């Protein structure tokens, strides 16, 4: 494991386009991006002050696995160009294993969230209203219960540091048009179902996930950003799943749980993470990669 982790990239051979919570994007000509996954970790929409070693390598490997597996459901943003080939030789180590060269797409301003189980903000919403994001559900469901059918619960992308806002399907239609909204919903549900079926063969439950889409130069919908990683999804070990409790998960829930015990108001600056929390979280991410793909770093 890289002892210190990569917190910030410092690539000088390409122009920086955007630094997100986790990913740094650089322009490769006018029509492509080098997207580098750092070891930064965001919790409650705040970027922690320390990196989680190897996290970016894990997320990149997971995304690439799923992009390949799901490419028949919807095309994606990958170009197949080796990231090492587009940076200066002395910058190669910053991108090796943690970057992709992607098509530059026009991002759709909606996060496509699919929920198959009642957990997190969906559970809170259901307890309050009997519905999740306005979608009425049967009475008497328990925490972590599987839903009768997966549901599409979109969110509006927030500015960096803000919380994404759940929105109705009608609002999605207003943002991107009825046909595109229906396409996004249908593709998202197909992606989730295909991924959940595969994950079940690996002893994993995908409780929920979020997808991001963009349009290419021809107006074709493409899957982009990351897909079915431990950052964008809730993975549960099937053998530890019980209805009525929040199952352990292969993600940053360990950090969230620790943060909930701290006197912190969930705005920057965050508290420093103890060494054991960093190590345990790094371990959880590596476990996710092994569980999903059967391969380790």
C-alpha atoms as a PDB file:
ATOM      1  CA  UNK A   1       0.000   0.000   0.000  1.00  0.00           C
ATOM      2  CA  UNK A   2       1.290   3.484  -0.837  1.00  0.00           C
ATOM      3  CA  UNK A   3       2.086   4.802   2.620  1.00  0.00           C
ATOM      4  CA  UNK A   4       0.953   8.379   2.161  1.00  0.00           C
ATOM      5  CA  UNK A   5      -1.541   8.324  -0.714  1.00  0.00           C
ATOM      6  CA  UNK A   6      -2.023  10.888  -3.496  1.00  0.00           C
ATOM      7  CA  UNK A   7      -3.980  13.858  -2.161  1.00  0.00           C
ATOM      8  CA  UNK A   8      -3.446  16.331  -5.024  1.00  0.00           C
ATOM      9  CA  UNK A   9      -2.242  15.772  -8.555  1.00  0.00           C
ATOM     10  CA  UNK A  10       0.267  18.271  -9.929  1.00  0.00           C
ATOM     11  CA  UNK A  11       0.317  17.617 -13.667  1.00  0.00           C
ATOM     12  CA  UNK A  12       1.931  20.526 -15.498  1.00  0.00           C
ATOM     13  CA  UNK A  13       1.988  19.067 -19.032  1.00  0.00           C
ATOM     14  CA  UNK A  14      -1.806  19.456 -19.443  1.00  0.00           C
ATOM     15  CA  UNK A  15      -4.209  22.288 -18.499  1.00  0.00           C
ATOM     16  CA  UNK A  16      -6.244  21.638 -15.338  1.00  0.00           C
ATOM     17  CA  UNK A  17      -9.975  21.792 -16.137  1.00  0.00           C
ATOM     18  CA  UNK A  18     -11.601  20.893 -12.833  1.00  0.00           C
ATOM     19  CA  UNK A  19     -10.707  19.660  -9.369  1.00  0.00           C
ATOM     20  CA  UNK A  20     -13.646  17.817  -7.831  1.00  0.00           C
ATOM     21  CA  UNK A  21     -14.066  16.190  -4.447  1.00  0.00           C
ATOM     22  CA  UNK A  22     -12.093  13.135  -5.553  1.00  0.00           C
ATOM     23  CA  UNK A  23     -11.152  13.493  -9.241  1.00  0.00           C
ATOM     24  CA  UNK A  24      -8.866  15.954 -11.037  1.00  0.00           C
ATOM     25  CA  UNK A  25      -9.553  16.517 -14.751  1.00  0.00           C
ATOM     26  CA  UNK A  26      -7.078  17.796 -17.322  1.00  0.00           C
ATOM     27  CA  UNK A  27      -7.674  18.728 -20.968  1.00  0.00           C
ATOM     28  CA  UNK A  28      -6.251  16.401 -23.620  1.00  0.00           C
ATOM     29  CA  UNK A  29      -6.822  18.474 -26.746  1.00  0.00           C
ATOM     30  CA  UNK A  30     -10.321  19.895 -27.237  1.00  0.00           C
ATOM     31  CA  UNK A  31     -12.316  16.684 -27.108  1.00  0.00           C
ATOM     32  CA  UNK A  32     -10.812  14.505 -24.372  1.00  0.00           C
ATOM     33  CA  UNK A  33     -10.087  14.629 -20.641  1.00  0.00           C
ATOM     34  CA  UNK A  34      -7.501  12.941 -18.471  1.00  0.00           C
ATOM     35  CA  UNK A  35      -9.456  12.056 -15.311  1.00  0.00           C
ATOM     36  CA  UNK A  36      -7.248  11.161 -12.351  1.00  0.00           C
ATOM     37  CA  UNK A  37      -8.793   9.564  -9.250  1.00  0.00           C
ATOM     38  CA  UNK A  38      -6.987  10.862  -6.176  1.00  0.00           C
ATOM     39  CA  UNK A  39      -6.992   9.300  -2.699  1.00  0.00           C
ATOM     40  CA  UNK A  40      -9.133  12.127  -1.307  1.00  0.00           C
ATOM     41  CA  UNK A  41     -12.228  11.099   0.613  1.00  0.00           C
ATOM     42  CA  UNK A  42     -15.432  13.103   0.869  1.00  0.00           C
ATOM     43  CA  UNK A  43     -17.927  12.499   3.680  1.00  0.00           C
ATOM     44  CA  UNK A  44     -21.104  14.539   4.227  1.00  0.00           C
ATOM     45  CA  UNK A  45     -19.987  16.496   1.120  1.00  0.00           C
ATOM     46  CA  UNK A  46     -16.814  17.678   2.901  1.00  0.00           C
ATOM     47  CA  UNK A  47     -13.378  16.565   1.683  1.00  0.00           C
ATOM     48  CA  UNK A  48     -11.345  15.085   4.522  1.00  0.00           C
ATOM     49  CA  UNK A  49      -7.892  16.525   5.226  1.00  0.00           C
ATOM     50  CA  UNK A  50      -6.012  13.242   4.814  1.00  0.00           C
ATOM     51  CA  UNK A  51      -5.949  10.830   1.882  1.00  0.00           C
ATOM     52  CA  UNK A  52      -6.954   7.162   2.106  1.00  0.00           C
ATOM     53  CA  UNK A  53      -3.954   5.303   0.602  1.00  0.00           C
ATOM     54  CA  UNK A  54      -4.732   3.332  -2.600  1.00  0.00           C
ATOM     55  CA  UNK A  55      -8.374   4.486  -2.626  1.00  0.00           C
ATOM     56  CA  UNK A  56      -8.001   6.062  -6.074  1.00  0.00           C
ATOM     57  CA  UNK A  57      -6.435   2.905  -7.506  1.00  0.00           C
ATOM     58  CA  UNK A  58      -9.349   0.859  -6.148  1.00  0.00           C
ATOM     59  CA  UNK A  59     -12.023   3.237  -7.470  1.00  0.00           C
ATOM     60  CA  UNK A  60     -10.417   3.396 -10.906  1.00  0.00           C
ATOM     61  CA  UNK A  61     -10.127  -0.404 -11.121  1.00  0.00           C
ATOM     62  CA  UNK A  62     -13.741  -0.876  -9.986  1.00  0.00           C
ATOM     63  CA  UNK A  63     -15.080   1.672 -12.481  1.00  0.00           C
ATOM     64  CA  UNK A  64     -13.101   0.161 -15.355  1.00  0.00           C
ATOM     65  CA  UNK A  65     -14.388  -3.307 -14.449  1.00  0.00           C
ATOM     66  CA  UNK A  66     -18.011  -2.135 -14.535  1.00  0.00           C
ATOM     67  CA  UNK A  67     -17.596   0.040 -17.654  1.00  0.00           C
ATOM     68  CA  UNK A  68     -16.405  -3.072 -19.492  1.00  0.00           C
ATOM     69  CA  UNK A  69     -19.072  -5.337 -18.006  1.00  0.00           C
ATOM     70  CA  UNK A  70     -21.988  -2.960 -18.741  1.00  0.00           C
ATOM     71  CA  UNK A  71     -20.921  -1.566 -22.120  1.00  0.00           C
ATOM     72  CA  UNK A  72     -23.694  -3.479 -23.905  1.00  0.00           C
ATOM     73  CA  UNK A  73     -26.343  -1.697 -21.811  1.00  0.00           C
ATOM     74  CA  UNK A  74     -25.112   1.808 -22.647  1.00  0.00           C
ATOM     75  CA  UNK A  75     -21.905   3.214 -24.196  1.00  0.00           C
ATOM     76  CA  UNK A  76     -19.463   4.964 -21.861  1.00  0.00           C
ATOM     77  CA  UNK A  77     -16.888   7.745 -21.950  1.00  0.00           C
ATOM     78  CA  UNK A  78     -13.715   5.637 -22.182  1.00  0.00           C
ATOM     79  CA  UNK A  79     -11.387   6.049 -25.186  1.00  0.00           C
ATOM     80  CA  UNK A  80      -8.940   3.216 -24.443  1.00  0.00           C
ATOM     81  CA  UNK A  81      -5.969   5.618 -24.646  1.00  0.00           C
ATOM     82  CA  UNK A  82      -3.232   4.856 -22.090  1.00  0.00           C
ATOM     83  CA  UNK A  83      -3.146   7.745 -19.567  1.00  0.00           C
ATOM     84  CA  UNK A  84       0.645   7.428 -19.245  1.00  0.00           C
ATOM     85  CA  UNK A  85       0.945   8.303 -22.948  1.00  0.00           C
ATOM     86  CA  UNK A  86      -0.622  11.764 -22.558  1.00  0.00           C
ATOM     87  CA  UNK A  87       1.501  13.152 -19.687  1.00  0.00           C
ATOM     88  CA  UNK A  88       5.191  13.981 -19.285  1.00  0.00           C
ATOM     89  CA  UNK A  89       7.385  10.988 -18.283  1.00  0.00           C
ATOM     90  CA  UNK A  90       8.019  12.414 -14.815  1.00  0.00           C
ATOM     91  CA  UNK A  91       4.213  12.586 -14.238  1.00  0.00           C
ATOM     92  CA  UNK A  92       3.525   8.948 -15.147  1.00  0.00           C
ATOM     93  CA  UNK A  93       3.374   7.726 -11.544  1.00  0.00           C
ATOM     94  CA  UNK A  94       0.575  10.187 -10.773  1.00  0.00           C
ATOM     95  CA  UNK A  95      -1.671   8.573 -13.393  1.00  0.00           C
ATOM     96  CA  UNK A  96      -0.601   4.926 -13.564  1.00  0.00           C
ATOM     97  CA  UNK A  97      -3.493   2.719 -12.432  1.00  0.00           C
ATOM     98  CA  UNK A  98      -5.616   5.638 -11.273  1.00  0.00           C
ATOM     99  CA  UNK A  99      -6.543   7.554 -14.449  1.00  0.00           C
ATOM    100  CA  UNK A 100      -8.457   7.237 -17.715  1.00  0.00           C
ATOM    101  CA  UNK A 101      -8.516   9.248 -20.921  1.00  0.00           C
ATOM    102  CA  UNK A 102     -12.194   9.939 -21.532  1.00  0.00           C
ATOM    103  CA  UNK A 103     -14.322  11.642 -24.166  1.00  0.00           C
ATOM    104  CA  UNK A 104     -15.252  15.173 -23.242  1.00  0.00           C
ATOM    105  CA  UNK A 105     -19.021  15.000 -22.847  1.00  0.00           C
ATOM    106  CA  UNK A 106     -21.742  17.494 -22.072  1.00  0.00           C
ATOM    107  CA  UNK A 107     -22.768  16.346 -18.565  1.00  0.00           C
ATOM    108  CA  UNK A 108     -26.470  16.048 -17.783  1.00  0.00           C
ATOM    109  CA  UNK A 109     -27.239  18.106 -14.637  1.00  0.00           C
ATOM    110  CA  UNK A 110     -28.967  15.196 -12.876  1.00  0.00           C
ATOM    111  CA  UNK A 111     -27.565  12.346 -10.804  1.00  0.00           C
ATOM    112  CA  UNK A 112     -29.319   9.091 -11.627  1.00  0.00           C
ATOM    113  CA  UNK A 113     -29.855   7.359  -8.284  1.00  0.00           C
ATOM    114  CA  UNK A 114     -31.306   3.836  -8.194  1.00  0.00           C
ATOM    115  CA  UNK A 115     -32.389   2.243  -4.911  1.00  0.00           C
ATOM    116  CA  UNK A 116     -33.070  -1.454  -4.507  1.00  0.00           C
ATOM    117  CA  UNK A 117     -33.205  -1.444  -0.695  1.00  0.00           C
ATOM    118  CA  UNK A 118     -34.619   0.907   1.922  1.00  0.00           C
ATOM    119  CA  UNK A 119     -31.623   2.519   3.648  1.00  0.00           C
ATOM    120  CA  UNK A 120     -29.959   5.878   4.246  1.00  0.00           C
ATOM    121  CA  UNK A 121     -31.885   9.005   3.284  1.00  0.00           C
ATOM    122  CA  UNK A 122     -34.488   6.783   1.575  1.00  0.00           C
ATOM    123  CA  UNK A 123     -35.299   5.076   4.885  1.00  0.00           C
ATOM    124  CA  UNK A 124     -35.601   8.445   6.630  1.00  0.00           C
ATOM    125  CA  UNK A 125     -37.863   9.713   3.850  1.00  0.00           C
ATOM    126  CA  UNK A 126     -40.041   6.577   4.075  1.00  0.00           C
ATOM    127  CA  UNK A 127     -40.397   6.830   7.871  1.00  0.00           C
ATOM    128  CA  UNK A 128     -41.536  10.425   7.486  1.00  0.00           C
ATOM    129  CA  UNK A 129     -43.812  10.138   4.454  1.00  0.00           C
ATOM    130  CA  UNK A 130     -44.348   6.502   3.459  1.00  0.00           C
ATOM    131  CA  UNK A 131     -42.618   7.347   0.185  1.00  0.00           C
ATOM    132  CA  UNK A 132     -39.086   7.807  -1.162  1.00  0.00           C
ATOM    133  CA  UNK A 133     -38.579  10.934  -3.269  1.00  0.00           C
ATOM    134  CA  UNK A 134     -42.336  11.056  -3.856  1.00  0.00           C
ATOM    135  CA  UNK A 135     -42.592   7.390  -4.905  1.00  0.00           C
ATOM    136  CA  UNK A 136     -45.208   5.749  -2.662  1.00  0.00           C
ATOM    137  CA  UNK A 137     -44.136   2.409  -1.163  1.00  0.00           C
ATOM    138  CA  UNK A 138     -46.073  -0.353   0.641  1.00  0.00           C
ATOM    139  CA  UNK A 139     -46.732   0.139   4.344  1.00  0.00           C
ATOM    140  CA  UNK A 140     -44.766  -1.684   7.008  1.00  0.00           C
ATOM    141  CA  UNK A 141     -41.380  -1.933   5.294  1.00  0.00           C
ATOM    142  CA  UNK A 142     -38.379  -2.227   7.606  1.00  0.00           C
ATOM    143  CA  UNK A 143     -34.905  -0.710   7.485  1.00  0.00           C
ATOM    144  CA  UNK A 144     -32.694  -2.329   4.804  1.00  0.00           C
ATOM    145  CA  UNK A 145     -35.644  -4.253   3.328  1.00  0.00           C
ATOM    146  CA  UNK A 146     -35.514  -5.011  -0.379  1.00  0.00           C
ATOM    147  CA  UNK A 147     -37.998  -2.927  -2.338  1.00  0.00           C
ATOM    148  CA  UNK A 148     -40.637  -4.702  -4.476  1.00  0.00           C
ATOM    149  CA  UNK A 149     -38.859  -3.222  -7.521  1.00  0.00           C
ATOM    150  CA  UNK A 150     -35.783  -0.953  -7.802  1.00  0.00           C
ATOM    151  CA  UNK A 151     -36.795   2.720  -7.969  1.00  0.00           C
ATOM    152  CA  UNK A 152     -35.251   5.689  -9.797  1.00  0.00           C
ATOM    153  CA  UNK A 153     -34.813   8.603  -7.371  1.00  0.00           C
ATOM    154  CA  UNK A 154     -32.881  11.353  -9.154  1.00  0.00           C
ATOM    155  CA  UNK A 155     -30.936  14.166  -7.520  1.00  0.00           C
ATOM    156  CA  UNK A 156     -29.859  17.578  -8.719  1.00  0.00           C
ATOM    157  CA  UNK A 157     -26.083  17.969  -8.813  1.00  0.00           C
ATOM    158  CA  UNK A 158     -24.902  20.531  -6.290  1.00  0.00           C
ATOM    159  CA  UNK A 159     -21.944  22.870  -6.425  1.00  0.00           C
ATOM    160  CA  UNK A 160     -18.769  21.610  -4.749  1.00  0.00           C
ATOM    161  CA  UNK A 161     -19.310  21.558  -0.993  1.00  0.00           C
ATOM    162  CA  UNK A 162     -23.114  21.636  -1.235  1.00  0.00           C
ATOM    163  CA  UNK A 163     -25.503  18.716  -0.738  1.00  0.00           C
ATOM    164  CA  UNK A 164     -27.169  17.128  -3.769  1.00  0.00           C
ATOM    165  CA  UNK A 165     -30.930  17.678  -3.645  1.00  0.00           C
ATOM    166  CA  UNK A 166     -33.447  14.910  -4.340  1.00  0.00           C
ATOM    167  CA  UNK A 167     -35.832  15.969  -7.112  1.00  0.00           C
ATOM    168  CA  UNK A 168     -38.978  14.541  -8.686  1.00  0.00           C
ATOM    169  CA  UNK A 169     -39.082  12.849 -12.078  1.00  0.00           C
ATOM    170  CA  UNK A 170     -41.166  15.792 -13.328  1.00  0.00           C
ATOM    171  CA  UNK A 171     -38.263  18.091 -12.429  1.00  0.00           C
ATOM    172  CA  UNK A 172     -35.875  15.850 -14.377  1.00  0.00           C
ATOM    173  CA  UNK A 173     -38.174  16.206 -17.381  1.00  0.00           C
ATOM    174  CA  UNK A 174     -38.048  19.993 -16.963  1.00  0.00           C
ATOM    175  CA  UNK A 175     -34.237  19.933 -16.822  1.00  0.00           C
ATOM    176  CA  UNK A 176     -33.456  17.623 -19.741  1.00  0.00           C
ATOM    177  CA  UNK A 177     -36.738  16.972 -21.595  1.00  0.00           C
ATOM    178  CA  UNK A 178     -39.244  14.121 -21.369  1.00  0.00           C
ATOM    179  CA  UNK A 179     -37.595  11.729 -23.836  1.00  0.00           C
ATOM    180  CA  UNK A 180     -34.106  12.122 -22.363  1.00  0.00           C
ATOM    181  CA  UNK A 181     -35.460  11.793 -18.809  1.00  0.00           C
ATOM    182  CA  UNK A 182     -37.241   8.549 -19.713  1.00  0.00           C
ATOM    183  CA  UNK A 183     -34.092   7.249 -21.410  1.00  0.00           C
ATOM    184  CA  UNK A 184     -31.954   8.106 -18.377  1.00  0.00           C
ATOM    185  CA  UNK A 185     -34.393   6.409 -16.004  1.00  0.00           C
ATOM    186  CA  UNK A 186     -34.740   3.261 -18.113  1.00  0.00           C
ATOM    187  CA  UNK A 187     -30.996   2.905 -18.731  1.00  0.00           C
ATOM    188  CA  UNK A 188     -30.246   3.481 -15.031  1.00  0.00           C
ATOM    189  CA  UNK A 189     -32.662   0.755 -13.950  1.00  0.00           C
ATOM    190  CA  UNK A 190     -31.211  -1.668 -16.529  1.00  0.00           C
ATOM    191  CA  UNK A 191     -27.659  -0.896 -15.356  1.00  0.00           C
ATOM    192  CA  UNK A 192     -28.614  -1.456 -11.730  1.00  0.00           C
ATOM    193  CA  UNK A 193     -30.413  -4.733 -12.420  1.00  0.00           C
ATOM    194  CA  UNK A 194     -27.542  -6.106 -14.532  1.00  0.00           C
ATOM    195  CA  UNK A 195     -24.989  -5.102 -11.886  1.00  0.00           C
ATOM    196  CA  UNK A 196     -27.089  -6.453  -8.996  1.00  0.00           C
ATOM    197  CA  UNK A 197     -27.508  -9.820 -10.737  1.00  0.00           C
ATOM    198  CA  UNK A 198     -23.756 -10.126 -11.235  1.00  0.00           C
ATOM    199  CA  UNK A 199     -22.944  -8.924  -7.707  1.00  0.00           C
ATOM    200  CA  UNK A 200     -25.272 -11.570  -6.253  1.00  0.00           C
ATOM    201  CA  UNK A 201     -23.042 -14.253  -7.808  1.00  0.00           C
ATOM    202  CA  UNK A 202     -20.159 -12.715  -5.818  1.00  0.00           C
ATOM    203  CA  UNK A 203     -22.094 -12.739  -2.536  1.00  0.00           C
ATOM    204  CA  UNK A 204     -22.709  -8.989  -2.647  1.00  0.00           C
ATOM    205  CA  UNK A 205     -25.913  -6.961  -2.414  1.00  0.00           C
ATOM    206  CA  UNK A 206     -25.916  -3.580  -4.180  1.00  0.00           C
ATOM    207  CA  UNK A 207     -28.332  -1.618  -2.003  1.00  0.00           C
ATOM    208  CA  UNK A 208     -28.237   1.553  -4.070  1.00  0.00           C
ATOM    209  CA  UNK A 209     -26.010   3.427  -6.487  1.00  0.00           C
ATOM    210  CA  UNK A 210     -25.778   6.580  -8.549  1.00  0.00           C
ATOM    211  CA  UNK A 211     -24.872   6.989 -12.199  1.00  0.00           C
ATOM    212  CA  UNK A 212     -23.806  10.058 -14.134  1.00  0.00           C
ATOM    213  CA  UNK A 213     -24.423  10.572 -17.819  1.00  0.00           C
ATOM    214  CA  UNK A 214     -23.297  12.954 -20.538  1.00  0.00           C
ATOM    215  CA  UNK A 215     -23.964  13.515 -24.215  1.00  0.00           C
ATOM    216  CA  UNK A 216     -21.277  13.093 -26.869  1.00  0.00           C
ATOM    217  CA  UNK A 217     -20.845  15.247 -29.971  1.00  0.00           C
ATOM    218  CA  UNK A 218     -23.581  13.240 -31.719  1.00  0.00           C
ATOM    219  CA  UNK A 219     -26.063  13.622 -28.864  1.00  0.00           C
ATOM    220  CA  UNK A 220     -25.634   9.998 -27.769  1.00  0.00           C
ATOM    221  CA  UNK A 221     -26.120   9.220 -24.078  1.00  0.00           C
ATOM    222  CA  UNK A 222     -22.968   7.870 -22.437  1.00  0.00           C
ATOM    223  CA  UNK A 223     -22.185   6.643 -18.933  1.00  0.00           C
ATOM    224  CA  UNK A 224     -19.421   8.788 -17.402  1.00  0.00           C
ATOM    225  CA  UNK A 225     -17.483   9.730 -14.275  1.00  0.00           C
ATOM    226  CA  UNK A 226     -17.396   6.611 -12.049  1.00  0.00           C
ATOM    227  CA  UNK A 227     -19.655   3.588 -11.983  1.00  0.00           C
ATOM    228  CA  UNK A 228     -20.596   1.220  -9.158  1.00  0.00           C
ATOM    229  CA  UNK A 229     -17.655   2.069  -6.926  1.00  0.00           C
ATOM    230  CA  UNK A 230     -17.597   2.009  -3.140  1.00  0.00           C
ATOM    231  CA  UNK A 231     -17.939   5.823  -3.298  1.00  0.00           C
ATOM    232  CA  UNK A 232     -21.059   5.861  -5.477  1.00  0.00           C
ATOM    233  CA  UNK A 233     -22.764   2.708  -4.169  1.00  0.00           C
ATOM    234  CA  UNK A 234     -23.669   0.775  -1.051  1.00  0.00           C
ATOM    235  CA  UNK A 235     -22.258  -2.765  -1.220  1.00  0.00           C
ATOM    236  CA  UNK A 236     -23.336  -5.211   1.483  1.00  0.00           C
ATOM    237  CA  UNK A 237     -21.931  -8.696   2.137  1.00  0.00           C
ATOM    238  CA  UNK A 238     -24.957 -10.945   1.505  1.00  0.00           C
ATOM    239  CA  UNK A 239     -24.013 -13.316   4.334  1.00  0.00           C
ATOM    240  CA  UNK A 240     -24.244 -10.472   6.877  1.00  0.00           C
ATOM    241  CA  UNK A 241     -27.495  -8.994   5.565  1.00  0.00           C
ATOM    242  CA  UNK A 242     -30.467  -8.849   7.933  1.00  0.00           C
ATOM    243  CA  UNK A 243     -33.713  -6.929   7.509  1.00  0.00           C
ATOM    244  CA  UNK A 244     -34.182  -4.350  10.257  1.00  0.00           C
ATOM    245  CA  UNK A 245     -30.521  -3.421  10.766  1.00  0.00           C
ATOM    246  CA  UNK A 246     -28.040  -1.392   8.749  1.00  0.00           C
ATOM    247  CA  UNK A 247     -25.684  -4.035   7.325  1.00  0.00           C
ATOM    248  CA  UNK A 248     -21.898  -3.521   7.311  1.00  0.00           C
ATOM    249  CA  UNK A 249     -20.745  -2.101   3.986  1.00  0.00           C
ATOM    250  CA  UNK A 250     -17.646  -1.991   1.795  1.00  0.00           C
ATOM    251  CA  UNK A 251     -17.407   1.789   1.698  1.00  0.00           C
ATOM    252  CA  UNK A 252     -16.726   4.949   3.667  1.00  0.00           C
ATOM    253  CA  UNK A 253     -19.499   4.234   6.182  1.00  0.00           C
ATOM    254  CA  UNK A 254     -16.706   3.483   8.662  1.00  0.00           C
ATOM    255  CA  UNK A 255     -15.524   7.111   8.341  1.00  0.00           C
ATOM    256  CA  UNK A 256     -19.085   8.466   8.508  1.00  0.00           C
ATOM    257  CA  UNK A 257     -19.770   6.484  11.682  1.00  0.00           C
ATOM    258  CA  UNK A 258     -16.602   7.841  13.318  1.00  0.00           C
ATOM    259  CA  UNK A 259     -17.436  11.409  12.231  1.00  0.00           C
ATOM    260  CA  UNK A 260     -20.917  11.093  13.767  1.00  0.00           C
ATOM    261  CA  UNK A 261     -19.252  10.638  17.174  1.00  0.00           C
ATOM    262  CA  UNK A 262     -17.219  13.852  16.812  1.00  0.00           C
ATOM    263  CA  UNK A 263     -18.221  17.393  17.865  1.00  0.00           C
ATOM    264  CA  UNK A 264     -18.355  18.537  14.224  1.00  0.00           C
ATOM    265  CA  UNK A 265     -21.096  20.444  12.375  1.00  0.00           C
ATOM    266  CA  UNK A 266     -20.389  18.814   8.972  1.00  0.00           C
ATOM    267  CA  UNK A 267     -18.908  21.951   7.441  1.00  0.00           C
ATOM    268  CA  UNK A 268     -15.220  22.571   6.599  1.00  0.00           C
ATOM    269  CA  UNK A 269     -12.744  22.150   8.122  1.00  0.00           C
ATOM    270  CA  UNK A 270     -13.307  18.488   9.020  1.00  0.00           C
ATOM    271  CA  UNK A 271     -11.661  16.824  12.017  1.00  0.00           C
ATOM    272  CA  UNK A 272      -8.403  14.980  11.335  1.00  0.00           C
ATOM    273  CA  UNK A 273      -8.926  11.243  10.838  1.00  0.00           C
ATOM    274  CA  UNK A 274      -7.016   8.995  13.261  1.00  0.00           C
ATOM    275  CA  UNK A 275      -4.507   6.565  11.737  1.00  0.00           C
ATOM    276  CA  UNK A 276      -6.646   3.531  12.586  1.00  0.00           C
ATOM    277  CA  UNK A 277      -9.701   5.022  10.836  1.00  0.00           C
ATOM    278  CA  UNK A 278      -7.604   5.724   7.724  1.00  0.00           C
ATOM    279  CA  UNK A 279      -6.167   2.190   7.709  1.00  0.00           C
ATOM    280  CA  UNK A 280      -9.540   0.507   8.329  1.00  0.00           C
ATOM    281  CA  UNK A 281     -11.146   2.564   5.549  1.00  0.00           C
ATOM    282  CA  UNK A 282      -8.331   1.727   3.114  1.00  0.00           C
ATOM    283  CA  UNK A 283      -8.870  -1.935   3.995  1.00  0.00           C
ATOM    284  CA  UNK A 284     -12.636  -1.636   3.309  1.00  0.00           C
ATOM    285  CA  UNK A 285     -11.994  -0.206  -0.168  1.00  0.00           C
ATOM    286  CA  UNK A 286      -9.522  -2.987  -1.028  1.00  0.00           C
ATOM    287  CA  UNK A 287     -12.035  -5.567   0.245  1.00  0.00           C
ATOM    288  CA  UNK A 288     -14.661  -4.074  -2.099  1.00  0.00           C
ATOM    289  CA  UNK A 289     -12.404  -4.520  -5.130  1.00  0.00           C
ATOM    290  CA  UNK A 290     -11.598  -8.115  -4.234  1.00  0.00           C
ATOM    291  CA  UNK A 291     -15.233  -8.948  -3.456  1.00  0.00           C
ATOM    292  CA  UNK A 292     -16.587  -7.500  -6.723  1.00  0.00           C
ATOM    293  CA  UNK A 293     -13.872  -8.449  -9.204  1.00  0.00           C
ATOM    294  CA  UNK A 294     -12.027 -11.340  -7.540  1.00  0.00           C
ATOM    295  CA  UNK A 295      -8.829  -9.349  -8.077  1.00  0.00           C
ATOM    296  CA  UNK A 296      -6.690  -7.351  -5.682  1.00  0.00           C
ATOM    297  CA  UNK A 297      -4.499  -4.355  -6.450  1.00  0.00           C
END
